[in-house]
Amino acid sequence: MKKSRTHARRKSRGPKISRSRLLLLRNDLDGMRNTMSHTCDNFWVISEHDIRETLARTEQKIGRALDMLKTAA
């Protein structure tokens, strides 16, 4: 006779990410969206160098957001 009971399998609880990190991620994405819309609206006014810097910073933020989501999943 078996002395230990069988354990029920737990359901997947979704990604492991804290609320504060999720809020930080949401704020970063909102900021990126605002920056990109501002850049598109003022494309002819902003210098090419500033546009390149903005795109580089946005690319870095997107990379950090993707890394955060990879570790959460």
PDB file of N, CA and C in Angstrom:
ATOM      1  N   MET A   1       0.836  -1.178   0.000  1.00  0.00           N
ATOM      2  CA  MET A   1       0.000   0.000   0.000  1.00  0.00           C
ATOM      3  C   MET A   1       0.885   1.247   0.000  1.00  0.00           C
ATOM      4  N   LYS A   2       0.463   2.229  -0.753  1.00  0.00           N
ATOM      5  CA  LYS A   2       1.228   3.461  -0.909  1.00  0.00           C
ATOM      6  C   LYS A   2       1.005   4.369   0.302  1.00  0.00           C
ATOM      7  N   LYS A   3       2.103   4.896   0.879  1.00  0.00           N
ATOM      8  CA  LYS A   3       1.959   5.711   2.077  1.00  0.00           C
ATOM      9  C   LYS A   3       1.855   7.206   1.776  1.00  0.00           C
ATOM     10  N   SER A   4       2.315   7.646   0.631  1.00  0.00           N
ATOM     11  CA  SER A   4       2.238   9.080   0.326  1.00  0.00           C
ATOM     12  C   SER A   4       1.096   9.342  -0.648  1.00  0.00           C
ATOM     13  N   ARG A   5       0.480  10.486  -0.484  1.00  0.00           N
ATOM     14  CA  ARG A   5      -0.640  10.817  -1.364  1.00  0.00           C
ATOM     15  C   ARG A   5      -0.116  11.466  -2.641  1.00  0.00           C
ATOM     16  N   THR A   6      -0.875  11.358  -3.682  1.00  0.00           N
ATOM     17  CA  THR A   6      -0.478  11.983  -4.943  1.00  0.00           C
ATOM     18  C   THR A   6      -0.824  13.471  -4.892  1.00  0.00           C
ATOM     19  N   HIS A   7       0.050  14.272  -5.421  1.00  0.00           N
ATOM     20  CA  HIS A   7      -0.161  15.716  -5.425  1.00  0.00           C
ATOM     21  C   HIS A   7      -0.812  16.137  -6.732  1.00  0.00           C
ATOM     22  N   ALA A   8      -1.774  17.014  -6.615  1.00  0.00           N
ATOM     23  CA  ALA A   8      -2.448  17.523  -7.813  1.00  0.00           C
ATOM     24  C   ALA A   8      -1.520  18.489  -8.530  1.00  0.00           C
ATOM     25  N   ARG A   9      -1.555  18.466  -9.831  1.00  0.00           N
ATOM     26  CA  ARG A   9      -0.731  19.395 -10.616  1.00  0.00           C
ATOM     27  C   ARG A   9      -1.317  20.791 -10.513  1.00  0.00           C
ATOM     28  N   ARG A  10      -0.442  21.762 -10.347  1.00  0.00           N
ATOM     29  CA  ARG A  10      -0.899  23.146 -10.284  1.00  0.00           C
ATOM     30  C   ARG A  10      -1.072  23.692 -11.680  1.00  0.00           C
ATOM     31  N   LYS A  11      -2.048  24.576 -11.802  1.00  0.00           N
ATOM     32  CA  LYS A  11      -2.242  25.241 -13.078  1.00  0.00           C
ATOM     33  C   LYS A  11      -1.158  26.301 -13.244  1.00  0.00           C
ATOM     34  N   SER A  12      -0.895  26.640 -14.474  1.00  0.00           N
ATOM     35  CA  SER A  12       0.081  27.692 -14.746  1.00  0.00           C
ATOM     36  C   SER A  12      -0.457  29.009 -14.212  1.00  0.00           C
ATOM     37  N   ARG A  13       0.370  29.721 -13.483  1.00  0.00           N
ATOM     38  CA  ARG A  13      -0.072  30.967 -12.864  1.00  0.00           C
ATOM     39  C   ARG A  13       0.278  32.195 -13.688  1.00  0.00           C
ATOM     40  N   GLY A  14       0.760  32.002 -14.887  1.00  0.00           N
ATOM     41  CA  GLY A  14       1.089  33.137 -15.742  1.00  0.00           C
ATOM     42  C   GLY A  14       2.494  33.638 -15.486  1.00  0.00           C
ATOM     43  N   PRO A  15       2.832  34.756 -16.094  1.00  0.00           N
ATOM     44  CA  PRO A  15       4.180  35.285 -15.964  1.00  0.00           C
ATOM     45  C   PRO A  15       4.482  35.747 -14.541  1.00  0.00           C
ATOM     46  N   LYS A  16       5.725  35.608 -14.161  1.00  0.00           N
ATOM     47  CA  LYS A  16       6.151  36.010 -12.824  1.00  0.00           C
ATOM     48  C   LYS A  16       6.772  37.398 -12.913  1.00  0.00           C
ATOM     49  N   ILE A  17       5.940  38.417 -12.777  1.00  0.00           N
ATOM     50  CA  ILE A  17       6.418  39.783 -12.846  1.00  0.00           C
ATOM     51  C   ILE A  17       5.656  40.577 -11.791  1.00  0.00           C
ATOM     52  N   SER A  18       6.362  41.413 -11.078  1.00  0.00           N
ATOM     53  CA  SER A  18       5.733  42.171 -10.013  1.00  0.00           C
ATOM     54  C   SER A  18       4.907  43.316 -10.587  1.00  0.00           C
ATOM     55  N   ARG A  19       3.994  43.805  -9.777  1.00  0.00           N
ATOM     56  CA  ARG A  19       3.149  44.913 -10.216  1.00  0.00           C
ATOM     57  C   ARG A  19       3.974  46.167 -10.467  1.00  0.00           C
ATOM     58  N   SER A  20       4.985  46.390  -9.647  1.00  0.00           N
ATOM     59  CA  SER A  20       5.803  47.593  -9.832  1.00  0.00           C
ATOM     60  C   SER A  20       6.607  47.529 -11.126  1.00  0.00           C
ATOM     61  N   ARG A  21       7.145  46.356 -11.457  1.00  0.00           N
ATOM     62  CA  ARG A  21       7.865  46.223 -12.729  1.00  0.00           C
ATOM     63  C   ARG A  21       6.923  46.345 -13.912  1.00  0.00           C
ATOM     64  N   LEU A  22       5.709  45.829 -13.760  1.00  0.00           N
ATOM     65  CA  LEU A  22       4.716  45.954 -14.818  1.00  0.00           C
ATOM     66  C   LEU A  22       4.325  47.412 -15.018  1.00  0.00           C
ATOM     67  N   LEU A  23       4.174  48.155 -13.927  1.00  0.00           N
ATOM     68  CA  LEU A  23       3.859  49.576 -14.020  1.00  0.00           C
ATOM     69  C   LEU A  23       5.012  50.343 -14.656  1.00  0.00           C
ATOM     70  N   LEU A  24       6.233  49.994 -14.296  1.00  0.00           N
ATOM     71  CA  LEU A  24       7.409  50.623 -14.894  1.00  0.00           C
ATOM     72  C   LEU A  24       7.469  50.339 -16.391  1.00  0.00           C
ATOM     73  N   LEU A  25       7.178  49.120 -16.777  1.00  0.00           N
ATOM     74  CA  LEU A  25       7.164  48.745 -18.185  1.00  0.00           C
ATOM     75  C   LEU A  25       6.084  49.517 -18.943  1.00  0.00           C
ATOM     76  N   ARG A  26       4.910  49.633 -18.342  1.00  0.00           N
ATOM     77  CA  ARG A  26       3.822  50.374 -18.980  1.00  0.00           C
ATOM     78  C   ARG A  26       4.195  51.848 -19.148  1.00  0.00           C
ATOM     79  N   ASN A  27       4.806  52.433 -18.136  1.00  0.00           N
ATOM     80  CA  ASN A  27       5.222  53.836 -18.235  1.00  0.00           C
ATOM     81  C   ASN A  27       6.284  54.034 -19.311  1.00  0.00           C
ATOM     82  N   ASP A  28       7.227  53.101 -19.401  1.00  0.00           N
ATOM     83  CA  ASP A  28       8.254  53.181 -20.451  1.00  0.00           C
ATOM     84  C   ASP A  28       7.625  53.102 -21.836  1.00  0.00           C
ATOM     85  N   LEU A  29       6.696  52.173 -22.009  1.00  0.00           N
ATOM     86  CA  LEU A  29       6.048  52.025 -23.312  1.00  0.00           C
ATOM     87  C   LEU A  29       5.208  53.260 -23.663  1.00  0.00           C
ATOM     88  N   ASP A  30       4.527  53.829 -22.676  1.00  0.00           N
ATOM     89  CA  ASP A  30       3.769  55.060 -22.931  1.00  0.00           C
ATOM     90  C   ASP A  30       4.701  56.202 -23.320  1.00  0.00           C
ATOM     91  N   GLY A  31       5.829  56.298 -22.624  1.00  0.00           N
ATOM     92  CA  GLY A  31       6.801  57.334 -22.951  1.00  0.00           C
ATOM     93  C   GLY A  31       7.374  57.165 -24.345  1.00  0.00           C
ATOM     94  N   MET A  32       7.650  55.913 -24.717  1.00  0.00           N
ATOM     95  CA  MET A  32       8.169  55.656 -26.063  1.00  0.00           C
ATOM     96  C   MET A  32       7.139  56.018 -27.124  1.00  0.00           C
ATOM     97  N   ARG A  33       5.882  55.683 -26.863  1.00  0.00           N
ATOM     98  CA  ARG A  33       4.827  56.012 -27.822  1.00  0.00           C
ATOM     99  C   ARG A  33       4.710  57.534 -27.990  1.00  0.00           C
ATOM    100  N   ASN A  34       4.754  58.262 -26.880  1.00  0.00           N
ATOM    101  CA  ASN A  34       4.672  59.719 -26.950  1.00  0.00           C
ATOM    102  C   ASN A  34       5.867  60.319 -27.674  1.00  0.00           C
ATOM    103  N   THR A  35       7.046  59.797 -27.401  1.00  0.00           N
ATOM    104  CA  THR A  35       8.253  60.291 -28.062  1.00  0.00           C
ATOM    105  C   THR A  35       8.200  60.055 -29.559  1.00  0.00           C
ATOM    106  N   MET A  36       7.773  58.851 -29.942  1.00  0.00           N
ATOM    107  CA  MET A  36       7.721  58.534 -31.368  1.00  0.00           C
ATOM    108  C   MET A  36       6.639  59.353 -32.083  1.00  0.00           C
ATOM    109  N   SER A  37       5.511  59.574 -31.445  1.00  0.00           N
ATOM    110  CA  SER A  37       4.479  60.397 -32.095  1.00  0.00           C
ATOM    111  C   SER A  37       4.942  61.841 -32.214  1.00  0.00           C
ATOM    112  N   HIS A  38       5.650  62.330 -31.208  1.00  0.00           N
ATOM    113  CA  HIS A  38       6.205  63.689 -31.274  1.00  0.00           C
ATOM    114  C   HIS A  38       7.235  63.785 -32.403  1.00  0.00           C
ATOM    115  N   THR A  39       8.069  62.770 -32.527  1.00  0.00           N
ATOM    116  CA  THR A  39       9.081  62.758 -33.587  1.00  0.00           C
ATOM    117  C   THR A  39       8.424  62.717 -34.964  1.00  0.00           C
ATOM    118  N   CYS A  40       7.393  61.904 -35.113  1.00  0.00           N
ATOM    119  CA  CYS A  40       6.706  61.829 -36.413  1.00  0.00           C
ATOM    120  C   CYS A  40       5.988  63.132 -36.742  1.00  0.00           C
ATOM    121  N   ASP A  41       5.374  63.748 -35.729  1.00  0.00           N
ATOM    122  CA  ASP A  41       4.666  65.010 -35.965  1.00  0.00           C
ATOM    123  C   ASP A  41       5.612  66.137 -36.366  1.00  0.00           C
ATOM    124  N   ASN A  42       6.797  66.146 -35.793  1.00  0.00           N
ATOM    125  CA  ASN A  42       7.758  67.230 -36.041  1.00  0.00           C
ATOM    126  C   ASN A  42       8.949  66.758 -36.874  1.00  0.00           C
ATOM    127  N   PHE A  43       8.703  65.796 -37.753  1.00  0.00           N
ATOM    128  CA  PHE A  43       9.789  65.196 -38.533  1.00  0.00           C
ATOM    129  C   PHE A  43      10.576  66.235 -39.325  1.00  0.00           C
ATOM    130  N   TRP A  44       9.905  67.185 -39.925  1.00  0.00           N
ATOM    131  CA  TRP A  44      10.590  68.160 -40.778  1.00  0.00           C
ATOM    132  C   TRP A  44      11.270  69.264 -39.977  1.00  0.00           C
ATOM    133  N   VAL A  45      10.945  69.368 -38.695  1.00  0.00           N
ATOM    134  CA  VAL A  45      11.507  70.431 -37.862  1.00  0.00           C
ATOM    135  C   VAL A  45      12.729  69.945 -37.074  1.00  0.00           C
ATOM    136  N   ILE A  46      12.683  68.689 -36.646  1.00  0.00           N
ATOM    137  CA  ILE A  46      13.758  68.125 -35.810  1.00  0.00           C
ATOM    138  C   ILE A  46      14.947  67.768 -36.691  1.00  0.00           C
ATOM    139  N   SER A  47      16.140  68.012 -36.162  1.00  0.00           N
ATOM    140  CA  SER A  47      17.343  67.691 -36.940  1.00  0.00           C
ATOM    141  C   SER A  47      17.532  66.181 -37.049  1.00  0.00           C
ATOM    142  N   GLU A  48      18.249  65.767 -38.076  1.00  0.00           N
ATOM    143  CA  GLU A  48      18.469  64.336 -38.319  1.00  0.00           C
ATOM    144  C   GLU A  48      19.219  63.685 -37.162  1.00  0.00           C
ATOM    145  N   HIS A  49      20.178  64.407 -36.597  1.00  0.00           N
ATOM    146  CA  HIS A  49      20.957  63.882 -35.480  1.00  0.00           C
ATOM    147  C   HIS A  49      20.050  63.596 -34.274  1.00  0.00           C
ATOM    148  N   ASP A  50      19.134  64.514 -33.970  1.00  0.00           N
ATOM    149  CA  ASP A  50      18.218  64.316 -32.843  1.00  0.00           C
ATOM    150  C   ASP A  50      17.285  63.141 -33.085  1.00  0.00           C
ATOM    151  N   ILE A  51      16.853  62.976 -34.322  1.00  0.00           N
ATOM    152  CA  ILE A  51      15.983  61.838 -34.649  1.00  0.00           C
ATOM    153  C   ILE A  51      16.736  60.525 -34.463  1.00  0.00           C
ATOM    154  N   ARG A  52      17.985  60.490 -34.899  1.00  0.00           N
ATOM    155  CA  ARG A  52      18.787  59.268 -34.730  1.00  0.00           C
ATOM    156  C   ARG A  52      18.993  58.945 -33.250  1.00  0.00           C
ATOM    157  N   GLU A  53      19.256  59.960 -32.435  1.00  0.00           N
ATOM    158  CA  GLU A  53      19.424  59.738 -30.992  1.00  0.00           C
ATOM    159  C   GLU A  53      18.134  59.235 -30.361  1.00  0.00           C
ATOM    160  N   THR A  54      17.016  59.822 -30.761  1.00  0.00           N
ATOM    161  CA  THR A  54      15.721  59.395 -30.228  1.00  0.00           C
ATOM    162  C   THR A  54      15.442  57.946 -30.597  1.00  0.00           C
ATOM    163  N   LEU A  55      15.703  57.580 -31.837  1.00  0.00           N
ATOM    164  CA  LEU A  55      15.479  56.200 -32.266  1.00  0.00           C
ATOM    165  C   LEU A  55      16.404  55.234 -31.527  1.00  0.00           C
ATOM    166  N   ALA A  56      17.640  55.635 -31.277  1.00  0.00           N
ATOM    167  CA  ALA A  56      18.577  54.770 -30.558  1.00  0.00           C
ATOM    168  C   ALA A  56      18.104  54.544 -29.118  1.00  0.00           C
ATOM    169  N   ARG A  57      17.675  55.612 -28.451  1.00  0.00           N
ATOM    170  CA  ARG A  57      17.181  55.468 -27.076  1.00  0.00           C
ATOM    171  C   ARG A  57      15.919  54.620 -27.032  1.00  0.00           C
ATOM    172  N   THR A  58      15.043  54.810 -28.005  1.00  0.00           N
ATOM    173  CA  THR A  58      13.813  54.022 -28.055  1.00  0.00           C
ATOM    174  C   THR A  58      14.130  52.555 -28.291  1.00  0.00           C
ATOM    175  N   GLU A  59      15.089  52.284 -29.155  1.00  0.00           N
ATOM    176  CA  GLU A  59      15.492  50.897 -29.401  1.00  0.00           C
ATOM    177  C   GLU A  59      16.045  50.251 -28.135  1.00  0.00           C
ATOM    178  N   GLN A  60      16.822  50.984 -27.354  1.00  0.00           N
ATOM    179  CA  GLN A  60      17.348  50.454 -26.101  1.00  0.00           C
ATOM    180  C   GLN A  60      16.222  50.160 -25.114  1.00  0.00           C
ATOM    181  N   LYS A  61      15.252  51.063 -25.027  1.00  0.00           N
ATOM    182  CA  LYS A  61      14.135  50.849 -24.107  1.00  0.00           C
ATOM    183  C   LYS A  61      13.304  49.641 -24.528  1.00  0.00           C
ATOM    184  N   ILE A  62      13.106  49.471 -25.819  1.00  0.00           N
ATOM    185  CA  ILE A  62      12.369  48.312 -26.304  1.00  0.00           C
ATOM    186  C   ILE A  62      13.129  47.033 -25.967  1.00  0.00           C
ATOM    187  N   GLY A  63      14.448  47.058 -26.117  1.00  0.00           N
ATOM    188  CA  GLY A  63      15.263  45.896 -25.757  1.00  0.00           C
ATOM    189  C   GLY A  63      15.149  45.549 -24.282  1.00  0.00           C
ATOM    190  N   ARG A  64      15.173  46.570 -23.423  1.00  0.00           N
ATOM    191  CA  ARG A  64      15.023  46.322 -21.987  1.00  0.00           C
ATOM    192  C   ARG A  64      13.642  45.769 -21.666  1.00  0.00           C
ATOM    193  N   ALA A  65      12.616  46.300 -22.325  1.00  0.00           N
ATOM    194  CA  ALA A  65      11.259  45.808 -22.088  1.00  0.00           C
ATOM    195  C   ALA A  65      11.128  44.351 -22.513  1.00  0.00           C
ATOM    196  N   LEU A  66      11.709  44.011 -23.653  1.00  0.00           N
ATOM    197  CA  LEU A  66      11.656  42.617 -24.111  1.00  0.00           C
ATOM    198  C   LEU A  66      12.421  41.701 -23.170  1.00  0.00           C
ATOM    199  N   ASP A  67      13.568  42.150 -22.668  1.00  0.00           N
ATOM    200  CA  ASP A  67      14.327  41.338 -21.706  1.00  0.00           C
ATOM    201  C   ASP A  67      13.521  41.112 -20.431  1.00  0.00           C
ATOM    202  N   MET A  68      12.830  42.149 -19.972  1.00  0.00           N
ATOM    203  CA  MET A  68      12.022  42.029 -18.774  1.00  0.00           C
ATOM    204  C   MET A  68      10.888  41.025 -18.984  1.00  0.00           C
ATOM    205  N   LEU A  69      10.277  41.076 -20.167  1.00  0.00           N
ATOM    206  CA  LEU A  69       9.192  40.140 -20.452  1.00  0.00           C
ATOM    207  C   LEU A  69       9.720  38.711 -20.634  1.00  0.00           C
ATOM    208  N   LYS A  70      10.920  38.558 -21.173  1.00  0.00           N
ATOM    209  CA  LYS A  70      11.504  37.213 -21.321  1.00  0.00           C
ATOM    210  C   LYS A  70      11.743  36.582 -19.953  1.00  0.00           C
ATOM    211  N   THR A  71      12.266  37.377 -19.007  1.00  0.00           N
ATOM    212  CA  THR A  71      12.532  36.822 -17.682  1.00  0.00           C
ATOM    213  C   THR A  71      11.244  36.554 -16.920  1.00  0.00           C
ATOM    214  N   ALA A  72      10.194  37.288 -17.241  1.00  0.00           N
ATOM    215  CA  ALA A  72       8.929  37.084 -16.545  1.00  0.00           C
ATOM    216  C   ALA A  72       8.220  35.811 -17.005  1.00  0.00           C
ATOM    217  N   ALA A  73       8.411  35.450 -18.254  1.00  0.00           N
ATOM    218  CA  ALA A  73       7.688  34.287 -18.795  1.00  0.00           C
ATOM    219  C   ALA A  73       8.349  32.983 -18.429  1.00  0.00           C
TER     220      ALA A  73
END
